[in-house]
Amino acid sequence: MIKELAYALLRRVTPVGSQRWYLMQSLVAVLPRTRGGPCLQSRFYEATLPACGSGLQLFGSVYLHRPEKIRIGSRVILAQGVHITGHDWVTVGDDVAIGPYTVMNSGDHRHADPRRLIGSQGHVVAPIAIADNVWIAAHCVILRGVRIGSGVVVAAMSVVREDVPDNVVVAGVPAEVKRSRVPAAGSAS
């Protein structure tokens, strides 16, 4: 009951996406962390994001931009330097681990008119959906409009720009399916 009241107060004082929210995100990102315990930054996200399951673990500073369109499942691990931008909805399922310095951005700058500044041309946006039980290794980029299926492994330094089916390993720039994670019929597991 106390936790729910504290979360309600935090949501009232720091509405998601407000200037105060970004200030609090920066503050809790640099506070010392306890060994093996939840950090204030994970509690802050659990309290203020539109949807955030329990058991969020952060290993180092994480940055969320446009948090009002970011949903995080339960038992999610976000490593140092993960950066998620929610121009459109970004949904991370349950039991997902996202490695250090991975970037997920659900929008790209428009740039078709060479006579105008790129920054003034707006964005092309599309949602990102990460299903349950996914491991995204270090230094990956997940682009707008992508759905990553359940049980997927995304190898380090991959750029995912197209949907990924369930239970595969993808790697490369751009990421391609390298193998299935499902044993072939008749083979020993």
N, C-alpha and C. Protein backbone atom coordinates (compact mmCIF):
# COMPACT_ATOMS: atom_id res chain seq x y z
N MET A 1 0.82 -1.19 0.00
CA MET A 1 0.00 0.00 0.00
C MET A 1 0.87 1.26 0.00
N ILE A 2 1.92 1.24 0.79
CA ILE A 2 2.81 2.40 0.84
C ILE A 2 3.49 2.61 -0.51
N LYS A 3 3.92 1.50 -1.13
CA LYS A 3 4.56 1.59 -2.44
C LYS A 3 3.62 2.22 -3.46
N GLU A 4 2.35 1.79 -3.48
CA GLU A 4 1.38 2.33 -4.43
C GLU A 4 1.15 3.83 -4.19
N LEU A 5 1.08 4.23 -2.92
CA LEU A 5 0.91 5.65 -2.61
C LEU A 5 2.12 6.47 -3.05
N ALA A 6 3.31 5.93 -2.80
CA ALA A 6 4.54 6.62 -3.21
C ALA A 6 4.59 6.76 -4.73
N TYR A 7 4.23 5.69 -5.45
CA TYR A 7 4.21 5.74 -6.91
C TYR A 7 3.20 6.76 -7.42
N ALA A 8 2.01 6.79 -6.81
CA ALA A 8 0.97 7.75 -7.21
C ALA A 8 1.46 9.19 -7.00
N LEU A 9 2.11 9.44 -5.87
CA LEU A 9 2.65 10.77 -5.61
C LEU A 9 3.72 11.14 -6.62
N LEU A 10 4.61 10.19 -6.92
CA LEU A 10 5.67 10.44 -7.89
C LEU A 10 5.08 10.76 -9.27
N ARG A 11 4.06 10.01 -9.69
CA ARG A 11 3.41 10.28 -10.98
C ARG A 11 2.77 11.67 -11.01
N ARG A 12 2.24 12.10 -9.88
CA ARG A 12 1.59 13.41 -9.80
C ARG A 12 2.62 14.53 -9.86
N VAL A 13 3.73 14.35 -9.17
CA VAL A 13 4.76 15.38 -9.09
C VAL A 13 5.61 15.43 -10.35
N THR A 14 5.85 14.28 -10.98
CA THR A 14 6.69 14.22 -12.18
C THR A 14 5.94 13.51 -13.30
N PRO A 15 5.01 14.19 -13.96
CA PRO A 15 4.26 13.54 -15.05
C PRO A 15 5.22 13.04 -16.14
N VAL A 16 4.96 11.84 -16.64
CA VAL A 16 5.85 11.23 -17.63
C VAL A 16 6.02 12.15 -18.84
N GLY A 17 7.28 12.34 -19.22
CA GLY A 17 7.61 13.19 -20.36
C GLY A 17 7.75 14.66 -20.05
N SER A 18 7.44 15.07 -18.83
CA SER A 18 7.56 16.48 -18.46
C SER A 18 9.03 16.84 -18.21
N GLN A 19 9.29 18.14 -18.13
CA GLN A 19 10.64 18.58 -17.83
C GLN A 19 11.11 18.03 -16.49
N ARG A 20 10.22 18.00 -15.50
CA ARG A 20 10.56 17.42 -14.19
C ARG A 20 10.91 15.94 -14.32
N TRP A 21 10.18 15.23 -15.19
CA TRP A 21 10.44 13.81 -15.38
C TRP A 21 11.86 13.59 -15.89
N TYR A 22 12.26 14.37 -16.91
CA TYR A 22 13.62 14.23 -17.45
C TYR A 22 14.68 14.60 -16.42
N LEU A 23 14.40 15.60 -15.62
CA LEU A 23 15.32 15.98 -14.55
C LEU A 23 15.48 14.84 -13.54
N MET A 24 14.37 14.24 -13.12
CA MET A 24 14.42 13.10 -12.19
C MET A 24 15.16 11.91 -12.82
N GLN A 25 14.90 11.65 -14.11
CA GLN A 25 15.60 10.55 -14.78
C GLN A 25 17.11 10.76 -14.70
N SER A 26 17.56 11.96 -14.97
CA SER A 26 18.99 12.27 -14.91
C SER A 26 19.54 12.13 -13.50
N LEU A 27 18.77 12.57 -12.52
CA LEU A 27 19.21 12.49 -11.13
C LEU A 27 19.33 11.04 -10.66
N VAL A 28 18.29 10.24 -10.86
CA VAL A 28 18.34 8.87 -10.35
C VAL A 28 19.34 8.01 -11.12
N ALA A 29 19.70 8.44 -12.33
CA ALA A 29 20.68 7.68 -13.11
C ALA A 29 22.08 7.76 -12.52
N VAL A 30 22.38 8.82 -11.79
CA VAL A 30 23.74 8.99 -11.26
C VAL A 30 23.86 8.67 -9.78
N LEU A 31 22.74 8.38 -9.12
CA LEU A 31 22.81 8.03 -7.70
C LEU A 31 23.47 6.67 -7.52
N PRO A 32 24.18 6.48 -6.41
CA PRO A 32 24.81 5.18 -6.16
C PRO A 32 23.78 4.05 -6.13
N ARG A 33 24.22 2.87 -6.54
CA ARG A 33 23.35 1.70 -6.56
C ARG A 33 23.79 0.73 -5.47
N THR A 34 22.81 -0.02 -4.94
CA THR A 34 23.14 -1.02 -3.95
C THR A 34 23.45 -2.33 -4.67
N ARG A 35 24.37 -3.05 -4.13
CA ARG A 35 24.76 -4.32 -4.76
C ARG A 35 23.64 -5.35 -4.59
N GLY A 36 23.14 -5.86 -5.71
CA GLY A 36 22.13 -6.90 -5.67
C GLY A 36 20.71 -6.41 -5.42
N GLY A 37 20.53 -5.14 -5.15
CA GLY A 37 19.20 -4.62 -4.87
C GLY A 37 18.69 -3.77 -6.01
N PRO A 38 17.40 -3.42 -5.96
CA PRO A 38 16.86 -2.57 -7.01
C PRO A 38 17.41 -1.15 -6.90
N CYS A 39 17.61 -0.50 -8.03
CA CYS A 39 18.11 0.86 -8.00
C CYS A 39 16.94 1.84 -8.10
N LEU A 40 17.19 3.07 -7.69
CA LEU A 40 16.14 4.08 -7.73
C LEU A 40 15.66 4.35 -9.15
N GLN A 41 16.57 4.24 -10.12
CA GLN A 41 16.16 4.49 -11.51
C GLN A 41 15.13 3.45 -11.97
N SER A 42 15.30 2.18 -11.62
CA SER A 42 14.32 1.17 -12.02
C SER A 42 12.99 1.41 -11.31
N ARG A 43 13.02 1.79 -10.04
CA ARG A 43 11.79 2.11 -9.30
C ARG A 43 11.10 3.33 -9.92
N PHE A 44 11.88 4.30 -10.34
CA PHE A 44 11.33 5.50 -10.99
C PHE A 44 10.58 5.11 -12.26
N TYR A 45 11.19 4.26 -13.09
CA TYR A 45 10.51 3.83 -14.33
C TYR A 45 9.26 3.01 -14.02
N GLU A 46 9.35 2.10 -13.04
CA GLU A 46 8.17 1.32 -12.66
C GLU A 46 7.02 2.23 -12.23
N ALA A 47 7.35 3.32 -11.57
CA ALA A 47 6.32 4.23 -11.06
C ALA A 47 5.73 5.14 -12.12
N THR A 48 6.52 5.51 -13.13
CA THR A 48 6.07 6.59 -14.01
C THR A 48 5.77 6.20 -15.45
N LEU A 49 6.32 5.11 -15.96
CA LEU A 49 6.05 4.74 -17.36
C LEU A 49 4.60 4.31 -17.53
N PRO A 50 4.05 4.45 -18.74
CA PRO A 50 2.67 4.01 -18.98
C PRO A 50 2.43 2.55 -18.59
N ALA A 51 3.43 1.71 -18.79
CA ALA A 51 3.37 0.32 -18.37
C ALA A 51 4.80 -0.15 -18.10
N CYS A 52 5.00 -0.69 -16.92
CA CYS A 52 6.31 -1.24 -16.56
C CYS A 52 6.08 -2.34 -15.54
N GLY A 53 6.43 -3.56 -15.92
CA GLY A 53 6.24 -4.70 -15.04
C GLY A 53 7.22 -4.68 -13.87
N SER A 54 7.11 -5.68 -13.04
CA SER A 54 7.98 -5.77 -11.88
C SER A 54 9.32 -6.40 -12.25
N GLY A 55 10.29 -6.22 -11.38
CA GLY A 55 11.58 -6.88 -11.56
C GLY A 55 12.47 -6.23 -12.60
N LEU A 56 12.26 -4.96 -12.94
CA LEU A 56 13.13 -4.27 -13.89
C LEU A 56 14.51 -4.12 -13.25
N GLN A 57 15.55 -4.54 -13.99
CA GLN A 57 16.93 -4.42 -13.52
C GLN A 57 17.71 -3.54 -14.47
N LEU A 58 18.40 -2.56 -13.92
CA LEU A 58 19.25 -1.67 -14.70
C LEU A 58 20.68 -1.85 -14.24
N PHE A 59 21.57 -2.02 -15.19
CA PHE A 59 22.99 -2.15 -14.88
C PHE A 59 23.70 -0.96 -15.51
N GLY A 60 23.74 0.13 -14.78
CA GLY A 60 24.30 1.37 -15.28
C GLY A 60 23.19 2.30 -15.74
N SER A 61 23.60 3.47 -16.20
CA SER A 61 22.64 4.49 -16.62
C SER A 61 21.93 4.09 -17.91
N VAL A 62 20.64 4.32 -17.94
CA VAL A 62 19.78 4.05 -19.09
C VAL A 62 19.08 5.37 -19.40
N TYR A 63 18.79 5.62 -20.69
CA TYR A 63 18.12 6.86 -21.05
C TYR A 63 16.88 6.56 -21.89
N LEU A 64 15.74 7.06 -21.44
CA LEU A 64 14.49 6.94 -22.18
C LEU A 64 14.07 8.32 -22.65
N HIS A 65 13.82 8.46 -23.94
CA HIS A 65 13.38 9.72 -24.53
C HIS A 65 11.97 9.52 -25.07
N ARG A 66 11.10 10.46 -24.81
CA ARG A 66 9.67 10.36 -25.12
C ARG A 66 9.06 9.14 -24.42
N PRO A 67 9.20 9.11 -23.10
CA PRO A 67 8.82 7.93 -22.32
C PRO A 67 7.32 7.64 -22.29
N GLU A 68 6.50 8.60 -22.68
CA GLU A 68 5.06 8.38 -22.65
C GLU A 68 4.60 7.32 -23.64
N LYS A 69 5.50 6.88 -24.52
CA LYS A 69 5.16 5.82 -25.48
C LYS A 69 6.07 4.60 -25.33
N ILE A 70 6.57 4.39 -24.12
CA ILE A 70 7.44 3.24 -23.86
C ILE A 70 6.78 2.34 -22.83
N ARG A 71 6.67 1.04 -23.18
CA ARG A 71 6.11 0.04 -22.27
C ARG A 71 7.15 -1.06 -22.08
N ILE A 72 7.38 -1.41 -20.82
CA ILE A 72 8.39 -2.42 -20.49
C ILE A 72 7.73 -3.52 -19.67
N GLY A 73 8.00 -4.77 -20.04
CA GLY A 73 7.42 -5.92 -19.35
C GLY A 73 8.10 -6.22 -18.03
N SER A 74 7.84 -7.41 -17.52
CA SER A 74 8.41 -7.85 -16.25
C SER A 74 9.74 -8.56 -16.45
N ARG A 75 10.59 -8.46 -15.42
CA ARG A 75 11.89 -9.14 -15.40
C ARG A 75 12.76 -8.77 -16.61
N VAL A 76 12.76 -7.49 -16.94
CA VAL A 76 13.56 -6.97 -18.06
C VAL A 76 14.88 -6.46 -17.51
N ILE A 77 15.95 -6.71 -18.25
CA ILE A 77 17.29 -6.23 -17.91
C ILE A 77 17.71 -5.22 -18.97
N LEU A 78 18.09 -4.02 -18.52
CA LEU A 78 18.63 -2.99 -19.40
C LEU A 78 20.04 -2.68 -18.93
N ALA A 79 21.01 -2.86 -19.80
CA ALA A 79 22.41 -2.65 -19.43
C ALA A 79 22.82 -1.20 -19.62
N GLN A 80 24.03 -0.90 -19.19
CA GLN A 80 24.61 0.44 -19.28
C GLN A 80 24.44 1.02 -20.68
N GLY A 81 23.97 2.26 -20.74
CA GLY A 81 23.94 2.99 -22.00
C GLY A 81 22.79 2.66 -22.93
N VAL A 82 21.84 1.82 -22.52
CA VAL A 82 20.68 1.55 -23.37
C VAL A 82 19.91 2.86 -23.56
N HIS A 83 19.53 3.13 -24.81
CA HIS A 83 18.82 4.36 -25.14
C HIS A 83 17.58 3.99 -25.95
N ILE A 84 16.41 4.32 -25.42
CA ILE A 84 15.15 4.00 -26.09
C ILE A 84 14.40 5.30 -26.35
N THR A 85 14.01 5.52 -27.61
CA THR A 85 13.25 6.70 -27.99
C THR A 85 11.88 6.30 -28.50
N GLY A 86 10.84 6.85 -27.89
CA GLY A 86 9.47 6.50 -28.22
C GLY A 86 8.74 7.55 -29.05
N HIS A 87 9.18 7.78 -30.29
CA HIS A 87 8.39 8.64 -31.18
C HIS A 87 7.03 7.98 -31.41
N ASP A 88 7.04 6.67 -31.59
CA ASP A 88 5.84 5.84 -31.64
C ASP A 88 6.03 4.80 -30.53
N TRP A 89 5.06 3.93 -30.32
CA TRP A 89 5.14 2.98 -29.21
C TRP A 89 6.36 2.07 -29.34
N VAL A 90 7.05 1.90 -28.23
CA VAL A 90 8.11 0.90 -28.09
C VAL A 90 7.66 -0.02 -26.96
N THR A 91 7.48 -1.29 -27.30
CA THR A 91 7.02 -2.27 -26.33
C THR A 91 8.07 -3.35 -26.16
N VAL A 92 8.51 -3.54 -24.94
CA VAL A 92 9.49 -4.58 -24.60
C VAL A 92 8.76 -5.62 -23.76
N GLY A 93 8.77 -6.88 -24.21
CA GLY A 93 8.05 -7.95 -23.53
C GLY A 93 8.71 -8.38 -22.22
N ASP A 94 8.22 -9.48 -21.68
CA ASP A 94 8.74 -10.04 -20.44
C ASP A 94 10.03 -10.82 -20.69
N ASP A 95 10.89 -10.87 -19.68
CA ASP A 95 12.11 -11.69 -19.71
C ASP A 95 13.01 -11.34 -20.89
N VAL A 96 13.18 -10.05 -21.12
CA VAL A 96 14.04 -9.55 -22.20
C VAL A 96 15.31 -8.98 -21.58
N ALA A 97 16.45 -9.27 -22.19
CA ALA A 97 17.74 -8.70 -21.77
C ALA A 97 18.29 -7.87 -22.92
N ILE A 98 18.59 -6.61 -22.64
CA ILE A 98 19.11 -5.71 -23.66
C ILE A 98 20.50 -5.27 -23.24
N GLY A 99 21.48 -5.57 -24.10
CA GLY A 99 22.89 -5.37 -23.79
C GLY A 99 23.33 -3.93 -23.85
N PRO A 100 24.56 -3.69 -23.38
CA PRO A 100 25.09 -2.33 -23.28
C PRO A 100 25.06 -1.57 -24.60
N TYR A 101 24.72 -0.30 -24.50
CA TYR A 101 24.79 0.67 -25.59
C TYR A 101 23.92 0.31 -26.79
N THR A 102 22.85 -0.40 -26.53
CA THR A 102 21.88 -0.69 -27.59
C THR A 102 20.94 0.51 -27.72
N VAL A 103 20.57 0.82 -28.96
CA VAL A 103 19.68 1.93 -29.25
C VAL A 103 18.43 1.40 -29.94
N MET A 104 17.26 1.82 -29.44
CA MET A 104 15.98 1.52 -30.10
C MET A 104 15.31 2.85 -30.35
N ASN A 105 14.96 3.12 -31.62
CA ASN A 105 14.36 4.40 -31.97
C ASN A 105 13.21 4.16 -32.93
N SER A 106 12.00 4.53 -32.50
CA SER A 106 10.81 4.29 -33.31
C SER A 106 10.52 5.44 -34.28
N GLY A 107 11.52 6.27 -34.55
CA GLY A 107 11.35 7.34 -35.53
C GLY A 107 12.65 7.67 -36.23
N ASP A 108 12.53 8.13 -37.46
CA ASP A 108 13.68 8.60 -38.24
C ASP A 108 13.37 10.01 -38.72
N HIS A 109 14.41 10.80 -38.93
CA HIS A 109 14.21 12.13 -39.50
C HIS A 109 13.81 12.02 -40.97
N ARG A 110 12.85 12.82 -41.38
CA ARG A 110 12.58 12.98 -42.82
C ARG A 110 13.73 13.81 -43.38
N HIS A 111 14.07 13.57 -44.64
CA HIS A 111 15.21 14.29 -45.21
C HIS A 111 15.09 14.45 -46.72
N ALA A 112 13.87 14.38 -47.27
CA ALA A 112 13.67 14.37 -48.72
C ALA A 112 13.94 15.73 -49.37
N ASP A 113 13.71 16.82 -48.68
CA ASP A 113 13.85 18.15 -49.28
C ASP A 113 15.23 18.73 -48.97
N PRO A 114 16.14 18.73 -49.95
CA PRO A 114 17.50 19.22 -49.68
C PRO A 114 17.57 20.73 -49.43
N ARG A 115 16.48 21.46 -49.73
CA ARG A 115 16.48 22.91 -49.51
C ARG A 115 16.11 23.28 -48.08
N ARG A 116 15.63 22.30 -47.31
CA ARG A 116 15.23 22.56 -45.93
C ARG A 116 16.18 21.86 -44.97
N LEU A 117 16.29 22.43 -43.78
CA LEU A 117 17.09 21.78 -42.75
C LEU A 117 16.45 20.43 -42.41
N ILE A 118 17.26 19.41 -42.26
CA ILE A 118 16.75 18.07 -41.95
C ILE A 118 15.94 18.11 -40.66
N GLY A 119 16.42 18.82 -39.67
CA GLY A 119 15.74 18.89 -38.39
C GLY A 119 14.37 19.53 -38.44
N SER A 120 14.06 20.24 -39.52
CA SER A 120 12.75 20.90 -39.63
C SER A 120 11.75 20.08 -40.44
N GLN A 121 12.14 18.90 -40.92
CA GLN A 121 11.27 18.12 -41.80
C GLN A 121 10.44 17.06 -41.07
N GLY A 122 10.54 17.01 -39.77
CA GLY A 122 9.73 16.08 -39.00
C GLY A 122 10.29 14.67 -39.00
N HIS A 123 9.45 13.72 -38.59
CA HIS A 123 9.88 12.34 -38.43
C HIS A 123 8.94 11.38 -39.17
N VAL A 124 9.49 10.25 -39.56
CA VAL A 124 8.71 9.10 -40.00
C VAL A 124 8.72 8.16 -38.81
N VAL A 125 7.54 7.75 -38.33
CA VAL A 125 7.49 6.94 -37.12
C VAL A 125 6.74 5.64 -37.36
N ALA A 126 7.11 4.62 -36.61
CA ALA A 126 6.43 3.32 -36.62
C ALA A 126 6.82 2.61 -35.33
N PRO A 127 5.92 1.80 -34.78
CA PRO A 127 6.19 1.16 -33.48
C PRO A 127 7.28 0.09 -33.56
N ILE A 128 7.88 -0.16 -32.42
CA ILE A 128 8.82 -1.27 -32.24
C ILE A 128 8.20 -2.21 -31.21
N ALA A 129 8.22 -3.51 -31.50
CA ALA A 129 7.70 -4.50 -30.55
C ALA A 129 8.73 -5.60 -30.36
N ILE A 130 9.14 -5.80 -29.12
CA ILE A 130 10.06 -6.87 -28.75
C ILE A 130 9.24 -7.87 -27.96
N ALA A 131 9.12 -9.10 -28.46
CA ALA A 131 8.34 -10.14 -27.78
C ALA A 131 9.07 -10.64 -26.54
N ASP A 132 8.50 -11.64 -25.88
CA ASP A 132 9.07 -12.20 -24.65
C ASP A 132 10.31 -13.05 -24.94
N ASN A 133 11.16 -13.20 -23.90
CA ASN A 133 12.30 -14.10 -23.94
C ASN A 133 13.25 -13.79 -25.09
N VAL A 134 13.70 -12.54 -25.15
CA VAL A 134 14.61 -12.08 -26.21
C VAL A 134 15.90 -11.59 -25.57
N TRP A 135 17.02 -11.89 -26.20
CA TRP A 135 18.31 -11.34 -25.79
C TRP A 135 18.83 -10.50 -26.94
N ILE A 136 19.01 -9.21 -26.67
CA ILE A 136 19.62 -8.29 -27.63
C ILE A 136 21.00 -7.97 -27.06
N ALA A 137 22.05 -8.38 -27.75
CA ALA A 137 23.41 -8.22 -27.23
C ALA A 137 23.88 -6.77 -27.34
N ALA A 138 25.13 -6.54 -27.05
CA ALA A 138 25.69 -5.18 -26.96
C ALA A 138 25.74 -4.47 -28.30
N HIS A 139 25.59 -3.15 -28.23
CA HIS A 139 25.80 -2.23 -29.36
C HIS A 139 24.89 -2.52 -30.56
N CYS A 140 23.67 -2.92 -30.31
CA CYS A 140 22.73 -3.17 -31.41
C CYS A 140 21.89 -1.92 -31.67
N VAL A 141 21.31 -1.86 -32.86
CA VAL A 141 20.39 -0.79 -33.23
C VAL A 141 19.11 -1.45 -33.72
N ILE A 142 17.99 -1.06 -33.12
CA ILE A 142 16.68 -1.56 -33.52
C ILE A 142 15.93 -0.37 -34.11
N LEU A 143 15.56 -0.45 -35.39
CA LEU A 143 14.96 0.67 -36.08
C LEU A 143 13.44 0.62 -36.05
N ARG A 144 12.82 1.71 -36.45
CA ARG A 144 11.36 1.87 -36.43
C ARG A 144 10.66 0.78 -37.24
N GLY A 145 9.46 0.43 -36.78
CA GLY A 145 8.63 -0.49 -37.52
C GLY A 145 9.01 -1.95 -37.41
N VAL A 146 9.88 -2.30 -36.48
CA VAL A 146 10.38 -3.66 -36.35
C VAL A 146 9.63 -4.42 -35.26
N ARG A 147 9.35 -5.70 -35.54
CA ARG A 147 8.85 -6.62 -34.52
C ARG A 147 9.87 -7.74 -34.40
N ILE A 148 10.37 -7.95 -33.19
CA ILE A 148 11.30 -9.05 -32.92
C ILE A 148 10.51 -10.12 -32.19
N GLY A 149 10.48 -11.33 -32.76
CA GLY A 149 9.69 -12.42 -32.22
C GLY A 149 10.22 -12.99 -30.93
N SER A 150 9.45 -13.89 -30.35
CA SER A 150 9.78 -14.54 -29.09
C SER A 150 10.97 -15.47 -29.25
N GLY A 151 11.81 -15.51 -28.23
CA GLY A 151 12.93 -16.45 -28.22
C GLY A 151 14.07 -16.08 -29.14
N VAL A 152 14.15 -14.84 -29.57
CA VAL A 152 15.18 -14.40 -30.53
C VAL A 152 16.45 -13.98 -29.80
N VAL A 153 17.59 -14.24 -30.46
CA VAL A 153 18.89 -13.73 -30.03
C VAL A 153 19.37 -12.80 -31.13
N VAL A 154 19.68 -11.55 -30.76
CA VAL A 154 20.23 -10.58 -31.70
C VAL A 154 21.71 -10.42 -31.35
N ALA A 155 22.59 -10.82 -32.26
CA ALA A 155 24.03 -10.80 -32.00
C ALA A 155 24.55 -9.37 -31.86
N ALA A 156 25.66 -9.24 -31.17
CA ALA A 156 26.27 -7.94 -30.91
C ALA A 156 26.51 -7.16 -32.20
N MET A 157 26.30 -5.86 -32.12
CA MET A 157 26.56 -4.90 -33.18
C MET A 157 25.67 -5.08 -34.41
N SER A 158 24.53 -5.71 -34.24
CA SER A 158 23.59 -5.90 -35.36
C SER A 158 22.69 -4.68 -35.51
N VAL A 159 22.23 -4.47 -36.74
CA VAL A 159 21.25 -3.42 -37.03
C VAL A 159 20.00 -4.12 -37.54
N VAL A 160 18.93 -4.07 -36.74
CA VAL A 160 17.67 -4.75 -37.10
C VAL A 160 16.75 -3.73 -37.73
N ARG A 161 16.46 -3.94 -39.02
CA ARG A 161 15.59 -3.00 -39.73
C ARG A 161 14.36 -3.67 -40.33
N GLU A 162 14.25 -5.00 -40.15
CA GLU A 162 13.09 -5.74 -40.62
C GLU A 162 12.64 -6.69 -39.53
N ASP A 163 11.38 -7.14 -39.61
CA ASP A 163 10.84 -8.06 -38.61
C ASP A 163 11.68 -9.33 -38.52
N VAL A 164 11.72 -9.89 -37.31
CA VAL A 164 12.47 -11.11 -37.04
C VAL A 164 11.50 -12.16 -36.53
N PRO A 165 11.48 -13.37 -37.16
CA PRO A 165 10.56 -14.42 -36.71
C PRO A 165 10.98 -14.99 -35.36
N ASP A 166 10.11 -15.77 -34.75
CA ASP A 166 10.38 -16.39 -33.45
C ASP A 166 11.56 -17.36 -33.52
N ASN A 167 12.26 -17.48 -32.39
CA ASN A 167 13.25 -18.54 -32.15
C ASN A 167 14.35 -18.65 -33.19
N VAL A 168 14.95 -17.51 -33.52
CA VAL A 168 16.10 -17.52 -34.43
C VAL A 168 17.22 -16.68 -33.83
N VAL A 169 18.40 -16.83 -34.41
CA VAL A 169 19.55 -15.98 -34.11
C VAL A 169 19.77 -15.10 -35.33
N VAL A 170 19.84 -13.78 -35.11
CA VAL A 170 20.12 -12.86 -36.21
C VAL A 170 21.41 -12.12 -35.91
N ALA A 171 22.10 -11.74 -37.00
CA ALA A 171 23.36 -11.01 -36.85
C ALA A 171 23.62 -10.23 -38.11
N GLY A 172 24.41 -9.17 -37.97
CA GLY A 172 24.90 -8.44 -39.13
C GLY A 172 24.31 -7.06 -39.30
N VAL A 173 24.81 -6.39 -40.35
CA VAL A 173 24.36 -5.05 -40.72
C VAL A 173 24.04 -5.09 -42.21
N PRO A 174 22.77 -5.20 -42.58
CA PRO A 174 21.60 -5.35 -41.72
C PRO A 174 21.53 -6.78 -41.16
N ALA A 175 20.78 -6.92 -40.06
CA ALA A 175 20.66 -8.24 -39.41
C ALA A 175 19.94 -9.22 -40.32
N GLU A 176 20.48 -10.44 -40.38
CA GLU A 176 19.88 -11.53 -41.15
C GLU A 176 19.79 -12.75 -40.26
N VAL A 177 18.84 -13.63 -40.56
CA VAL A 177 18.71 -14.88 -39.80
C VAL A 177 19.92 -15.74 -40.09
N LYS A 178 20.61 -16.17 -39.03
CA LYS A 178 21.79 -17.03 -39.18
C LYS A 178 21.46 -18.49 -38.90
N ARG A 179 20.53 -18.71 -37.96
CA ARG A 179 20.12 -20.08 -37.69
C ARG A 179 18.87 -20.08 -36.82
N SER A 180 18.23 -21.24 -36.77
CA SER A 180 17.07 -21.42 -35.90
C SER A 180 17.54 -21.86 -34.53
N ARG A 181 16.77 -21.53 -33.51
CA ARG A 181 17.05 -21.99 -32.16
C ARG A 181 16.25 -23.24 -31.84
N VAL A 182 15.42 -23.68 -32.78
CA VAL A 182 14.61 -24.87 -32.57
C VAL A 182 15.35 -26.06 -33.14
N PRO A 183 15.56 -27.12 -32.32
CA PRO A 183 16.26 -28.30 -32.85
C PRO A 183 15.49 -28.93 -34.00
N ALA A 184 16.22 -29.42 -34.98
CA ALA A 184 15.59 -30.09 -36.12
C ALA A 184 14.94 -31.39 -35.64
N ALA A 185 13.88 -31.80 -36.30
CA ALA A 185 13.17 -33.03 -35.95
C ALA A 185 14.14 -34.22 -35.99
N GLY A 186 14.10 -35.03 -34.95
CA GLY A 186 14.93 -36.22 -34.91
C GLY A 186 16.34 -35.99 -34.39
N SER A 187 16.72 -34.74 -34.12
CA SER A 187 18.07 -34.49 -33.60
C SER A 187 18.03 -34.44 -32.07
N ALA A 188 19.15 -34.75 -31.46
CA ALA A 188 19.25 -34.69 -29.99
C ALA A 188 19.39 -33.24 -29.59
N SER A 189 18.78 -32.87 -28.47
CA SER A 189 18.89 -31.47 -28.05
C SER A 189 20.01 -31.21 -27.11
